Structures are given as structure tokens and as C-alpha cells.
């Protein structure tokens, strides 16, 4: 039997005696528990003194923020599995919402290149985000359409000069009308070439397909798009 003071002393010990002459842990176990095996072959590395940075004599009044170096990695936008060249899409936003368009290809910017064609529903060659379309199961064979020359630069509008400040003489005059930049002849020629092949392919695919492309998509009472098969 041990007194209370002896029991408290034994509890504080790292390797207390279970019975006289027998410790709880062996010598090898205590060697591992103490951590001495990690310090046995450790080499001491010389400490390097950090250079003392002298304070500059000039102190700016304003806190000048330094821009951080940002690395932008361009990741190409993944195309939805339901959208493939020739798929008929339904536009959900913009001036042509509700129209049926034919998907031609995905541009480098990730946007979709679509056309009405213009002869059917007045939708020209334009770019649209794939988030703003519904893909249908209807397809048109566009294997004969060459679209290598169509790139994002074709749709970028030239920058217009900012209007000059009005003088005192022209303050009360009416504002000058802005010059409207029309569609170039090159774009019109490309539109006709693409439309002619798609119109012929649509008529060849199905006799009702031209009428389907001319029609507009709309919902009436009791129709739910999430329950429809397009």
C-alpha cells in the first residue's frame, strides 16, 4: 500500500513502477518516447544571418500600393454534350429570343456561332453564350459548310472616337447625329454563302424543317419546359 503523496508522485512520473523493480515501460520504449532517436544523427546547420535593411531617407506621404503579379490561365470553355455542329437551338435571351437557330461551331472565345438562317427567320451570323440556349434533338447536316474564315475578330466593332467638347457657339445647337456603321459587304457575302448551303441542307433533311426554323418557341398555360423533350 502507498500513501496518497506517493500515489500522486507515481502518477506524475513518466515511467512509474508497477511493482517494485518492474517499470511500466522498458528502456527501449522510453528511448523512443523521449525522442532521442531523432536527435542522434542530426547535423547542426550553421545559422545564416539576415542582411540588415537600411531605412530609406525618403518617406512617401501616400501609401503606394504595388500591383500583385497575377497569372491568368486561359481555359477553353467546355461544350455541352447536347450541342454539336448542326444542332437546332432555341434562343432564350436577346433580340432574337424564341427563334430557332442552327449551331455552326464553337469559337476560340467559347461562344457559339449560330445562324437562323437569315433567309428563314432573320437571324444573322452571330455569337451567343451556350447558357442562353436550349438544345433540341433536331439536327441539320452542315458538313458542306466551310467556316474556317469565321473568327471572333469578325464580330468586334471598330472603336468610335469620343465626341469633342462643345464650344460656346455650338452649345445651343442640336447634338450631332451619330454615324451608323452598317454591315460590311464581306459579311453580307459570307452570310449568303453560309445561308445558301444551310437552306439547301434543311430542305433536304425534312420538308417540314424550314417551317420549324421559321416558327418561334413559346409556352402556354400548363406547359412546363423542365417536363418537355426538345
Protein backbone atom coordinates (compact mmCIF):
# COMPACT_ATOMS: atom_id res chain seq x y z
CA UNK A 1 0.00 0.00 0.00
CA UNK A 2 1.12 3.56 -0.78
CA UNK A 3 0.25 6.79 0.81
CA UNK A 4 -1.66 9.48 -1.07
CA UNK A 5 1.50 11.57 -1.53
CA UNK A 6 3.37 8.57 -3.01
CA UNK A 7 0.49 7.78 -5.39
CA UNK A 8 0.44 11.38 -6.68
CA UNK A 9 4.22 11.27 -7.19
CA UNK A 10 3.93 8.00 -9.11
CA UNK A 11 1.18 9.43 -11.34
CA UNK A 12 3.43 12.36 -12.29
CA UNK A 13 6.31 10.11 -13.28
CA UNK A 14 6.67 9.25 -16.96
CA UNK A 15 7.77 5.67 -16.21
CA UNK A 16 6.34 4.66 -12.88
CA UNK A 17 6.89 1.36 -11.15
CA UNK A 18 4.09 -1.16 -11.48
CA UNK A 19 5.64 -3.41 -8.81
CA UNK A 20 8.97 -2.95 -7.05
CA UNK A 21 11.71 -3.43 -9.63
CA UNK A 22 9.36 -3.53 -12.67
CA UNK A 23 8.65 -0.30 -14.57
CA UNK A 24 5.69 0.32 -16.80
CA UNK A 25 7.86 0.94 -19.94
CA UNK A 26 11.09 -0.80 -20.90
CA UNK A 27 14.35 1.01 -21.64
CA UNK A 28 13.86 0.78 -25.44
CA UNK A 29 10.30 2.09 -25.19
CA UNK A 30 11.41 5.07 -23.12
CA UNK A 31 14.18 5.75 -25.64
CA UNK A 32 11.57 6.05 -28.39
CA UNK A 33 9.13 8.07 -26.28
CA UNK A 34 11.76 10.62 -25.26
CA UNK A 35 12.56 11.47 -28.89
CA UNK A 36 16.31 10.97 -28.51
CA UNK A 37 16.41 8.70 -31.56
CA UNK A 38 15.51 11.68 -33.75
CA UNK A 39 18.39 13.79 -32.37
CA UNK A 40 21.09 11.11 -32.58
CA UNK A 41 22.24 11.68 -36.16
CA UNK A 42 21.00 15.23 -36.56
CA UNK A 43 23.54 17.63 -38.05
CA UNK A 44 23.60 21.17 -36.87
CA UNK A 45 23.25 23.62 -39.74
CA UNK A 46 25.00 26.95 -39.34
CA UNK A 47 22.61 29.84 -38.89
CA UNK A 48 22.69 32.42 -41.67
CA UNK A 49 22.43 36.00 -40.60
CA UNK A 50 19.85 38.04 -42.43
CA UNK A 51 21.19 41.22 -44.06
CA UNK A 52 20.21 44.33 -42.21
CA UNK A 53 17.99 46.52 -44.37
CA UNK A 54 18.79 50.17 -44.05
CA UNK A 55 15.90 52.55 -43.72
CA UNK A 56 15.46 54.85 -46.69
CA UNK A 57 15.69 58.60 -46.23
CA UNK A 58 12.61 59.22 -48.38
CA UNK A 59 9.18 58.51 -46.92
CA UNK A 60 6.18 58.88 -49.22
CA UNK A 61 3.18 60.74 -47.89
CA UNK A 62 0.68 58.41 -49.58
CA UNK A 63 0.70 54.66 -49.33
CA UNK A 64 1.71 53.50 -52.81
CA UNK A 65 0.18 50.08 -53.45
CA UNK A 66 2.21 47.72 -55.58
CA UNK A 67 0.21 45.57 -58.03
CA UNK A 68 0.45 41.85 -57.44
CA UNK A 69 1.62 39.56 -60.20
CA UNK A 70 -1.43 37.66 -61.42
CA UNK A 71 -1.08 34.65 -63.65
CA UNK A 72 -4.15 34.23 -65.85
CA UNK A 73 -4.54 30.80 -67.38
CA UNK A 74 -6.97 30.68 -70.28
CA UNK A 75 -9.07 27.55 -70.03
CA UNK A 76 -11.18 26.72 -73.08
CA UNK A 77 -14.90 26.56 -72.39
CA UNK A 78 -16.24 23.01 -72.49
CA UNK A 79 -19.07 22.49 -74.95
CA UNK A 80 -22.25 20.83 -73.72
CA UNK A 81 -22.70 17.25 -74.87
CA UNK A 82 -26.16 18.04 -76.26
CA UNK A 83 -24.74 20.73 -78.59
CA UNK A 84 -22.99 19.50 -81.73
CA UNK A 85 -22.46 21.14 -85.17
CA UNK A 86 -25.82 21.25 -86.92
CA UNK A 87 -27.94 21.12 -83.77
CA UNK A 88 -31.03 23.36 -83.80
CA UNK A 89 -31.06 25.62 -80.71
CA UNK A 90 -33.72 27.81 -79.12
CA UNK A 91 -32.52 31.29 -78.16
CA UNK A 92 -33.69 32.39 -74.69
CA UNK A 93 -32.44 35.98 -74.43
CA UNK A 94 -31.68 38.99 -76.58
CA UNK A 95 -33.46 40.48 -79.58
CA UNK A 96 -33.90 37.05 -81.19
CA UNK A 97 -35.31 35.19 -78.19
CA UNK A 98 -37.71 32.42 -79.08
CA UNK A 99 -36.14 31.91 -82.51
CA UNK A 100 -34.76 28.61 -83.73
CA UNK A 101 -31.14 28.83 -84.89
CA UNK A 102 -28.60 26.36 -86.27
CA UNK A 103 -25.36 25.86 -84.35
CA UNK A 104 -22.30 26.03 -86.63
CA UNK A 105 -19.20 25.84 -84.42
CA UNK A 106 -17.61 27.00 -81.16
CA UNK A 107 -15.25 29.96 -81.44
CA UNK A 108 -11.98 30.44 -79.54
CA UNK A 109 -13.72 32.72 -77.03
CA UNK A 110 -16.03 29.84 -76.06
CA UNK A 111 -19.11 31.47 -77.62
CA UNK A 112 -21.33 29.64 -80.07
CA UNK A 113 -21.54 30.68 -83.71
CA UNK A 114 -25.17 30.39 -84.87
CA UNK A 115 -27.34 31.47 -87.77
CA UNK A 116 -31.11 31.44 -88.44
CA UNK A 117 -30.52 31.12 -91.33
CA UNK A 118 -31.27 34.74 -92.18
CA UNK A 119 -33.48 33.75 -95.12
CA UNK A 120 -35.84 31.85 -92.79
CA UNK A 121 -36.21 33.89 -89.61
CA UNK A 122 -33.97 36.94 -89.95
CA UNK A 123 -31.28 35.77 -87.51
CA UNK A 124 -27.84 36.59 -88.99
CA UNK A 125 -24.48 35.08 -88.16
CA UNK A 126 -23.92 35.94 -84.51
CA UNK A 127 -22.26 34.79 -81.31
CA UNK A 128 -24.20 33.60 -78.29
CA UNK A 129 -23.38 32.06 -74.92
CA UNK A 130 -24.37 28.42 -74.56
CA UNK A 131 -26.05 29.26 -71.23
CA UNK A 132 -28.72 31.22 -73.12
CA UNK A 133 -29.86 28.42 -75.45
CA UNK A 134 -31.86 25.18 -75.28
CA UNK A 135 -30.53 22.33 -77.38
CA UNK A 136 -33.08 20.30 -79.33
CA UNK A 137 -32.85 16.83 -80.84
CA UNK A 138 -33.28 18.24 -84.38
CA UNK A 139 -30.11 18.38 -86.47
CA UNK A 140 -29.09 19.73 -89.87
CA UNK A 141 -26.21 18.31 -91.92
CA UNK A 142 -23.69 21.19 -92.24
CA UNK A 143 -20.72 19.11 -93.40
CA UNK A 144 -20.60 21.08 -96.67
CA UNK A 145 -20.31 24.48 -94.94
CA UNK A 146 -16.75 25.86 -94.63
CA UNK A 147 -16.33 28.11 -91.57
CA UNK A 148 -12.54 28.38 -91.29
CA UNK A 149 -12.56 32.11 -92.05
CA UNK A 150 -15.15 32.91 -89.35
CA UNK A 151 -13.41 34.03 -86.14
CA UNK A 152 -14.14 36.29 -83.17
CA UNK A 153 -12.48 39.27 -84.86
CA UNK A 154 -15.27 39.34 -87.43
CA UNK A 155 -17.79 40.42 -84.77
CA UNK A 156 -15.67 43.04 -82.99
CA UNK A 157 -16.92 46.52 -83.83
CA UNK A 158 -14.34 49.26 -84.55
CA UNK A 159 -13.87 51.81 -81.81
CA UNK A 160 -15.53 55.17 -82.44
CA UNK A 161 -13.88 58.44 -81.49
CA UNK A 162 -15.24 60.25 -78.46
CA UNK A 163 -17.27 63.37 -79.32
CA UNK A 164 -15.43 66.64 -78.99
CA UNK A 165 -16.36 69.11 -76.26
CA UNK A 166 -18.91 71.68 -77.31
CA UNK A 167 -17.83 75.29 -77.68
CA UNK A 168 -19.87 78.30 -76.66
CA UNK A 169 -21.13 78.74 -80.22
CA UNK A 170 -22.33 75.18 -80.53
CA UNK A 171 -23.76 74.87 -77.03
CA UNK A 172 -27.32 75.65 -78.06
CA UNK A 173 -27.18 73.68 -81.30
CA UNK A 174 -28.66 70.25 -81.62
CA UNK A 175 -26.43 67.29 -80.96
CA UNK A 176 -24.74 65.88 -83.98
CA UNK A 177 -26.24 62.65 -85.22
CA UNK A 178 -24.08 59.61 -84.69
CA UNK A 179 -22.84 57.95 -87.81
CA UNK A 180 -24.31 54.46 -88.15
CA UNK A 181 -21.85 51.79 -89.16
CA UNK A 182 -23.60 49.34 -91.46
CA UNK A 183 -22.74 45.74 -92.18
CA UNK A 184 -19.72 45.32 -94.44
CA UNK A 185 -20.01 43.79 -97.90
CA UNK A 186 -17.66 41.00 -96.84
CA UNK A 187 -20.03 39.99 -94.02
CA UNK A 188 -23.04 40.07 -96.36
CA UNK A 189 -21.23 37.83 -98.83
CA UNK A 190 -20.30 35.36 -96.09
CA UNK A 191 -23.90 35.36 -94.81
CA UNK A 192 -25.25 34.48 -98.28
CA UNK A 193 -22.72 31.69 -98.75
CA UNK A 194 -23.50 30.07 -95.39
CA UNK A 195 -27.29 30.53 -95.73
CA UNK A 196 -27.45 29.02 -99.21
CA UNK A 197 -25.85 25.77 -98.04
CA UNK A 198 -27.85 25.54 -94.81
CA UNK A 199 -31.17 26.25 -96.57
CA UNK A 200 -30.45 23.50 -99.08
CA UNK A 201 -29.43 21.09 -96.30
CA UNK A 202 -32.57 21.91 -94.26
CA UNK A 203 -34.87 21.23 -97.23
CA UNK A 204 -33.02 18.01 -97.95
CA UNK A 205 -33.26 16.80 -94.31
CA UNK A 206 -37.01 17.23 -93.90
CA UNK A 207 -39.73 19.08 -95.79
CA UNK A 208 -41.14 20.45 -92.50
CA UNK A 209 -37.77 21.68 -91.19
CA UNK A 210 -37.89 25.13 -92.93
CA UNK A 211 -41.28 25.80 -91.32
CA UNK A 212 -39.88 24.66 -87.95
CA UNK A 213 -36.95 27.07 -88.24
CA UNK A 214 -39.31 29.93 -89.18
CA UNK A 215 -41.54 29.31 -86.14
CA UNK A 216 -40.96 30.78 -82.68
CA UNK A 217 -40.81 28.87 -79.43
CA UNK A 218 -43.40 29.85 -76.82
CA UNK A 219 -45.11 28.36 -73.78
CA UNK A 220 -48.81 28.43 -72.98
CA UNK A 221 -50.66 27.79 -69.75
CA UNK A 222 -49.95 24.41 -68.22
CA UNK A 223 -46.73 23.80 -70.21
CA UNK A 224 -43.54 23.31 -68.21
CA UNK A 225 -40.17 23.33 -70.03
CA UNK A 226 -38.49 21.00 -67.49
CA UNK A 227 -41.02 18.28 -68.39
CA UNK A 228 -40.55 18.64 -72.17
CA UNK A 229 -38.31 16.71 -74.53
CA UNK A 230 -36.90 19.09 -77.11
